Protein backbone atom coordinates (compact mmCIF):
# COMPACT_ATOMS: atom_id res chain seq x y z
CA MET A 1 -1.89 2.57 -35.68
CA TYR A 2 -4.45 4.25 -37.89
CA VAL A 3 -7.33 3.01 -35.78
CA GLY A 4 -5.61 4.11 -32.59
CA LYS A 5 -5.10 7.63 -33.91
CA ILE A 6 -8.73 7.94 -34.96
CA GLY A 7 -9.82 6.65 -31.58
CA TYR A 8 -7.72 9.25 -29.83
CA ARG A 9 -9.13 12.01 -32.00
CA ILE A 10 -12.70 10.96 -31.28
CA LYS A 11 -12.09 11.27 -27.54
CA LYS A 12 -11.04 14.87 -28.08
CA MET A 13 -14.02 15.80 -30.29
CA ASN A 14 -16.69 18.08 -28.92
CA THR A 15 -19.48 16.31 -30.84
CA LEU A 16 -19.71 12.94 -32.51
CA ASP A 17 -21.10 14.66 -35.63
CA GLU A 18 -17.50 15.41 -36.58
CA VAL A 19 -17.07 11.72 -37.34
CA HIS A 20 -19.10 12.28 -40.49
CA ASN A 21 -16.62 14.87 -41.74
CA ILE A 22 -13.61 12.54 -41.63
CA TRP A 23 -15.28 9.31 -42.78
CA GLU A 24 -17.22 10.26 -45.87
CA ASP A 25 -15.99 7.44 -48.06
CA VAL A 26 -15.32 4.63 -45.59
CA ASP A 27 -17.38 1.96 -43.88
CA LYS A 28 -18.16 3.87 -40.70
CA ASN A 29 -19.60 0.87 -38.88
CA GLN A 30 -16.36 -1.00 -39.52
CA TYR A 31 -14.16 1.83 -38.26
CA VAL A 32 -16.33 2.62 -35.26
CA GLY A 33 -16.31 -1.07 -34.36
CA ASP A 34 -12.51 -1.13 -34.56
CA ILE A 35 -12.28 1.88 -32.27
CA ILE A 36 -14.70 0.42 -29.75
CA TYR A 37 -12.61 -2.76 -29.80
CA GLN A 38 -9.52 -0.71 -28.94
CA TYR A 39 -11.44 0.98 -26.13
CA VAL A 40 -12.48 -2.39 -24.73
CA GLN A 41 -8.84 -3.52 -24.68
CA GLU A 42 -7.94 -0.29 -22.89
CA LEU A 43 -10.70 -0.90 -20.34
CA LYS A 44 -9.32 -4.37 -19.61
CA SER A 45 -5.90 -2.86 -18.97
CA LEU A 46 -7.33 -0.12 -16.77
CA ASN A 47 -9.36 -2.68 -14.83
CA ASN A 48 -6.16 -4.60 -14.02
CA GLN A 49 -4.60 -1.36 -12.79
CA LEU A 50 -7.70 -0.66 -10.66
CA GLU A 51 -7.30 -4.00 -8.92
CA THR A 52 -3.67 -3.35 -7.99
CA ALA A 53 -3.71 0.38 -7.18
CA LYS A 54 -2.70 1.08 -3.58
CA GLU A 55 -2.97 4.87 -3.52
CA PRO A 56 -6.30 6.78 -3.52
CA THR A 57 -4.94 9.32 -6.03
CA ILE A 58 -3.98 6.60 -8.51
CA LEU A 59 -7.28 4.83 -7.90
CA GLU A 60 -9.16 8.04 -8.63
CA ASN A 61 -7.29 8.62 -11.91
CA ILE A 62 -7.94 5.08 -13.11
CA LYS A 63 -11.65 5.35 -12.31
CA THR A 64 -11.87 8.63 -14.22
CA ASN A 65 -10.12 7.14 -17.27
CA MET A 66 -12.41 4.11 -17.23
CA GLU A 67 -15.52 6.25 -17.01
CA GLU A 68 -14.39 8.47 -19.88
CA THR A 69 -13.64 5.44 -22.04
CA ILE A 70 -17.02 3.85 -21.31
CA LYS A 71 -18.74 7.15 -22.11
CA ALA A 72 -16.87 7.27 -25.43
CA CYS A 73 -18.12 3.77 -26.28
CA ILE A 74 -21.69 4.64 -25.33
CA GLY A 75 -21.57 7.79 -27.45
CA LEU A 76 -20.28 5.94 -30.51
CA GLU A 77 -22.82 3.15 -30.16
CA ILE A 78 -25.68 5.65 -29.98
CA VAL A 79 -24.61 7.32 -33.22
CA TYR A 80 -23.54 4.08 -34.92
CA PRO A 81 -25.86 1.33 -33.59
CA ASN A 82 -24.71 -1.03 -36.38
CA SER A 83 -21.01 -0.91 -35.58
CA ILE A 84 -19.35 -4.31 -35.84
CA TRP A 85 -18.13 -4.23 -32.23
CA LYS A 86 -19.93 -3.00 -29.10
CA LEU A 87 -19.24 -2.69 -25.41
CA LYS A 88 -22.02 -4.88 -24.12
CA ASP A 89 -24.05 -3.59 -21.15
CA ALA A 90 -22.07 -0.34 -21.13
CA GLU A 91 -24.29 1.39 -18.58
CA VAL A 92 -24.05 -1.60 -16.23
CA LYS A 93 -20.26 -1.60 -16.55
CA PHE A 94 -20.26 2.13 -15.84
CA ASP A 95 -21.96 1.48 -12.47
CA MET A 96 -19.69 -1.50 -11.79
CA VAL A 97 -16.62 0.72 -12.13
CA LYS A 98 -17.98 3.11 -9.52
CA GLU A 99 -18.85 0.28 -7.16
CA ARG A 100 -15.46 -1.36 -7.56
CA TYR A 101 -13.72 1.97 -6.98
CA ASN A 102 -15.56 2.25 -3.65
CA GLU A 103 -14.67 -1.33 -2.71
CA ARG A 104 -11.01 -0.76 -3.52
CA LEU A 105 -10.97 2.47 -1.52
CA TYR A 106 -12.52 0.63 1.40
CA LEU A 107 -9.85 -2.09 1.18
CA ILE A 108 -7.10 0.53 1.31
CA VAL A 109 -8.62 1.88 4.53
CA LYS A 110 -8.93 -1.62 5.93
CA LYS A 111 -5.33 -2.51 5.11
CA SER A 112 -4.05 0.69 6.73
CA LEU A 113 -5.97 0.00 9.92
CA GLU A 114 -4.95 -3.64 10.09
CA GLU A 115 -1.29 -2.70 9.70
CA TYR A 116 -1.70 -0.16 12.49
CA LYS A 117 -3.26 -2.76 14.81
CA LEU A 118 -0.41 -5.20 14.13
CA LYS A 119 2.23 -2.59 14.92
CA MET A 120 0.44 -1.58 18.12
CA ALA A 121 0.48 -5.23 19.21
CA GLN A 122 4.25 -5.46 18.80
CA SER A 123 6.87 -4.60 21.37
CA ILE A 124 7.79 -1.16 20.12
CA SER A 125 8.88 1.94 21.96
CA GLU A 126 6.47 4.64 23.09
CA ARG A 127 7.99 7.02 20.55
CA GLU A 128 7.37 4.51 17.73
CA ARG A 129 3.79 4.06 18.89
CA ASP A 130 3.30 7.82 18.80
CA LEU A 131 4.67 8.00 15.25
CA GLU A 132 2.40 5.18 14.07
CA THR A 133 -0.59 6.85 15.69
CA GLU A 134 0.18 10.14 13.98
CA SER A 135 0.57 8.31 10.66
CA ILE A 136 -2.78 6.53 10.87
CA PHE A 137 -4.51 9.82 11.76
CA GLU A 138 -3.15 11.36 8.58
CA GLN A 139 -4.14 8.37 6.45
CA ILE A 140 -7.70 8.26 7.77
CA GLN A 141 -8.24 11.99 7.23
CA TYR A 142 -6.63 11.83 3.76
CA ILE A 143 -8.75 8.91 2.56
CA GLN A 144 -11.90 10.37 4.10
CA GLY A 145 -11.54 13.29 1.69
CA PHE A 146 -11.65 10.95 -1.31
CA ILE A 147 -14.74 9.18 -0.04
CA GLU A 148 -16.64 12.38 0.72
CA ASN A 149 -15.67 14.11 -2.53
CA SER A 150 -15.66 11.22 -5.01
CA ALA A 151 -17.96 8.56 -3.61
CA LYS A 152 -20.52 10.59 -1.68
CA ASN A 153 -23.42 9.04 -3.61
CA TYR A 154 -22.48 5.49 -2.62
CA GLN A 155 -23.68 4.99 0.91
CA ASP A 156 -22.27 1.50 1.31
CA CYS A 157 -18.75 2.80 0.90
CA ILE A 158 -19.32 5.63 3.35
CA ASP A 159 -20.90 3.30 5.90
CA SER A 160 -17.97 0.91 5.63
CA PHE A 161 -15.53 3.76 6.11
CA ILE A 162 -17.40 5.06 9.16
CA GLU A 163 -17.15 1.61 10.76
CA PHE A 164 -13.37 1.73 10.45
CA HIS A 165 -13.36 5.36 11.48
CA ASP A 166 -15.11 4.30 14.69
CA ASP A 167 -12.62 1.47 15.21
CA VAL A 168 -9.80 3.98 14.98
CA GLU A 169 -11.53 6.18 17.54
CA ASP A 170 -11.73 3.25 19.93
CA LEU A 171 -8.01 2.62 19.50
CA PHE A 172 -7.14 6.27 19.99
CA SER A 173 -9.44 6.86 22.92
CA SER A 174 -6.90 5.23 25.23
CA LEU A 175 -4.51 8.05 24.40
CA MET A 176 -6.62 10.38 26.50
CA TYR A 177 -7.76 8.02 29.23
CA ASN A 178 -6.17 8.65 32.61
CA ASP A 179 -4.79 11.89 31.20
CA LEU A 180 -5.26 14.18 34.18
CA ASP A 181 -3.95 17.15 32.23
CA ILE A 182 -6.69 17.15 29.60
CA ALA A 183 -9.39 16.35 32.17
CA GLU A 184 -8.20 19.24 34.34
CA ALA A 185 -7.94 21.56 31.32
CA PHE A 186 -11.54 20.89 30.28
CA THR A 187 -12.71 21.38 33.85
CA ILE A 188 -11.17 24.85 33.68
CA VAL A 189 -12.73 25.40 30.24
CA LEU A 190 -16.19 24.75 31.67
CA GLU A 191 -15.51 27.04 34.63
CA LYS A 192 -14.45 29.94 32.42
CA THR A 193 -16.77 29.60 29.41
CA THR A 194 -20.50 29.07 28.94
CA PHE A 195 -21.51 26.70 26.14
CA LYS A 196 -24.75 25.32 24.82
CA ASP A 197 -26.01 22.43 26.91
CA TYR A 198 -25.03 19.70 24.47
CA ILE A 199 -21.47 21.06 24.18
CA THR A 200 -21.22 21.26 27.98
CA ASP A 201 -22.29 17.62 28.21
CA ILE A 202 -19.68 16.58 25.61
CA ALA A 203 -16.99 18.52 27.49
CA LYS A 204 -17.98 16.73 30.70
CA LEU A 205 -17.31 13.40 28.96
CA ILE A 206 -13.70 14.52 28.49
CA CYS A 207 -13.47 15.66 32.11
CA ASP A 208 -14.66 12.24 33.24
CA ASN A 209 -12.52 10.26 30.74
CA GLU A 210 -15.73 8.95 29.15
CA LEU A 211 -15.25 10.27 25.62
CA LYS A 212 -16.58 7.49 23.39
CA LYS A 213 -18.58 7.57 20.20
CA GLU A 214 -21.61 5.93 21.77
CA ASN A 215 -21.61 8.50 24.59
CA ILE A 216 -21.44 11.37 22.11
CA ASP A 217 -24.20 9.79 20.03
CA SER A 218 -26.34 9.51 23.16
CA ILE A 219 -25.96 13.24 23.84
CA LEU A 220 -26.76 14.13 20.24
CA LYS A 221 -29.88 11.95 20.34
CA GLN A 222 -30.98 13.55 23.60
CA PHE A 223 -30.90 17.00 21.96
CA ASN A 224 -32.41 15.80 18.65
CA ILE A 225 -29.19 16.46 16.75
CA TYR A 226 -29.02 14.04 13.82
CA ASN A 227 -25.43 14.57 12.73
CA ILE A 228 -22.40 15.79 14.67
CA LYS A 229 -21.52 17.95 11.67
CA ASP A 230 -24.57 20.08 12.51
CA ILE A 231 -22.78 21.39 15.61
CA LYS A 232 -19.36 21.78 13.99
CA LEU A 233 -19.00 25.47 14.83
CA ASP A 234 -19.78 24.85 18.51
CA LEU A 235 -17.21 22.05 18.61
CA LEU A 236 -14.60 24.28 16.97
CA ASP A 237 -15.20 26.82 19.74
CA LEU A 238 -14.82 24.10 22.38
CA LEU A 239 -11.50 23.01 20.88
CA LEU A 240 -10.27 26.60 20.68
CA SER A 241 -11.21 27.12 24.34
CA TYR A 242 -9.07 24.12 25.27
CA ILE A 243 -6.18 25.38 23.14
CA ASN A 244 -6.38 28.81 24.77
CA ILE A 245 -6.31 27.30 28.26
CA VAL A 246 -3.12 25.46 27.29
CA ILE A 247 -1.32 28.42 25.72
CA ASN A 248 -2.19 30.62 28.70
CA THR A 249 0.10 28.43 30.81
CA HIS A 250 2.74 27.05 28.46
CA ILE A 251 3.72 26.32 24.86
CA ILE A 252 1.60 23.53 23.38
CA THR A 253 3.36 20.19 23.81
CA GLU A 254 3.47 17.19 21.48
CA LYS A 255 1.12 15.29 23.79
CA GLU A 256 -1.41 18.12 23.72
CA ARG A 257 -1.24 18.27 19.95
CA ARG A 258 -2.06 14.55 19.85
CA ASN A 259 -5.01 15.19 22.16
CA ILE A 260 -6.22 17.88 19.77
CA GLU A 261 -5.89 15.46 16.85
CA THR A 262 -7.93 12.89 18.76
CA LEU A 263 -10.66 15.40 19.51
CA LYS A 264 -10.77 16.51 15.87
CA LEU A 265 -11.33 12.91 14.86
CA TYR A 266 -14.18 12.46 17.34
CA PHE A 267 -15.77 15.77 16.36
CA ARG A 268 -15.41 15.18 12.59
CA ILE A 269 -13.38 18.36 12.18
CA LYS A 270 -12.00 18.30 8.64
CA GLU A 271 -9.08 19.99 6.94
CA GLY A 272 -9.96 23.62 6.24
CA ASP A 273 -12.66 23.94 8.93
CA PHE A 274 -10.54 25.96 11.35
CA TYR A 275 -9.31 28.36 8.69
CA LYS A 276 -12.71 28.73 7.04
CA TYR A 277 -14.79 29.31 10.15
CA ARG A 278 -12.38 30.53 12.83
CA CYS A 279 -9.50 32.27 11.03
CA ASN A 280 -9.29 35.23 13.45
CA GLU A 281 -9.17 32.89 16.44
CA ILE A 282 -6.29 30.97 14.82
CA LYS A 283 -4.38 34.24 14.41
CA PHE A 284 -4.92 34.99 18.09
CA VAL A 285 -3.60 31.58 19.13
CA CYS A 286 -0.51 32.05 16.94
CA GLN A 287 0.15 35.49 18.41
CA LYS A 288 0.02 34.10 21.94
CA GLN A 289 2.37 31.29 20.95
CA PHE A 290 4.79 33.79 19.42
CA ALA A 291 4.67 35.95 22.55
CA ARG A 292 5.40 33.03 24.85
CA LEU A 293 8.25 31.82 22.66
CA SER A 294 9.75 35.30 22.65
CA ARG A 295 9.53 35.58 26.43
CA ASN A 296 11.33 32.25 26.69
CA ASN A 297 13.99 33.44 24.23
CA MET A 298 13.06 30.67 21.81
CA ASP A 299 13.24 30.92 18.04
CA TYR A 300 9.72 30.89 16.57
CA SER A 301 11.16 30.56 13.07
CA ASP A 302 11.93 26.98 14.03
CA GLU A 303 10.50 24.55 11.45
CA LEU A 304 9.12 22.13 14.05
CA PHE A 305 7.12 24.91 15.64
CA TRP A 306 5.51 25.84 12.33
CA VAL A 307 4.79 22.22 11.46
CA GLY A 308 3.00 21.90 14.80
CA ILE A 309 0.83 24.94 14.10
CA GLN A 310 0.12 23.72 10.56
CA ASP A 311 -0.92 20.24 11.72
CA MET A 312 -2.99 21.47 14.65
CA PHE A 313 -5.19 23.69 12.48
CA ASP A 314 -4.89 21.66 9.24
CA LEU A 315 -3.45 24.63 7.37
CA SER A 316 -2.13 24.57 3.83
CA TYR A 317 1.34 25.98 3.23
CA SER A 318 -0.07 29.20 1.74
CA GLN A 319 -2.44 29.69 4.69
CA LEU A 320 0.40 29.12 7.12
CA GLU A 321 2.56 31.60 5.23
CA LYS A 322 -0.13 34.29 5.49
CA LEU A 323 -0.42 33.75 9.23
CA SER A 324 3.33 33.83 9.75
CA LYS A 325 3.62 37.16 7.92
CA LYS A 326 0.93 38.69 10.08
């Protein structure tokens, strides 16, 4: 118990020099060794948890705890190189934790996609298929945030994720094929609005039911655009043009919302992009929706309506609340 308490205190210290103040008359190498031993046991336990974690949030917390513990061991060994116990190859283990975190995150993505494929292969109703599709969209976008924010320096993990991201796109692309409504809507979009040439070419893919990753990549290459994120603002405007065409004729339907989700996936539109770059345009869309609901004597306080708006523009609850007040 005594060793454990000292170990805990050391983790909270601002500098390792404070160790000298509490261990003036003891064998410091002995005590430091005991603490490092406790840390090693903790790392073994955390490693087991890392191998069984199924949620990105839990995975992230475990990785953070492991890294902090390894750092504590490294710090103690630097100050007390003669301690009786050491975490061998600490720096190597530090990198191994990061690599394993990325592998585990990748496996979570893979498992989610494989489960989706199995369900799509079963004899389930159209409504169930729609629900599963919506679920996998949310999972992919959710996990993508962890990879971009926490593993952005580990290209292998990102490349692996992109492969599955592309697989998902291939699965979802059939949602829009033979959809005369979206093809017709984008034909009208091109008639009413002038875009940059590369955006016009991408819109024509939708009109012709030819929206595929390789076709988009071909257009980007033609215009020397190295990453689709470089034209994010143009793609946001294209999406908003489509949304405005829809709301000029009727209230946005569930099918149209799914089309919008599909397009966001193709265009790499992330949560927060609409609100950050096109907040005023979102307000305008909401106002038009409210007006049409009112004319139809429908209740725009309805929860399903607000959930639809929130999902379509990837709004947080607080952002949605601000828009609803306005």
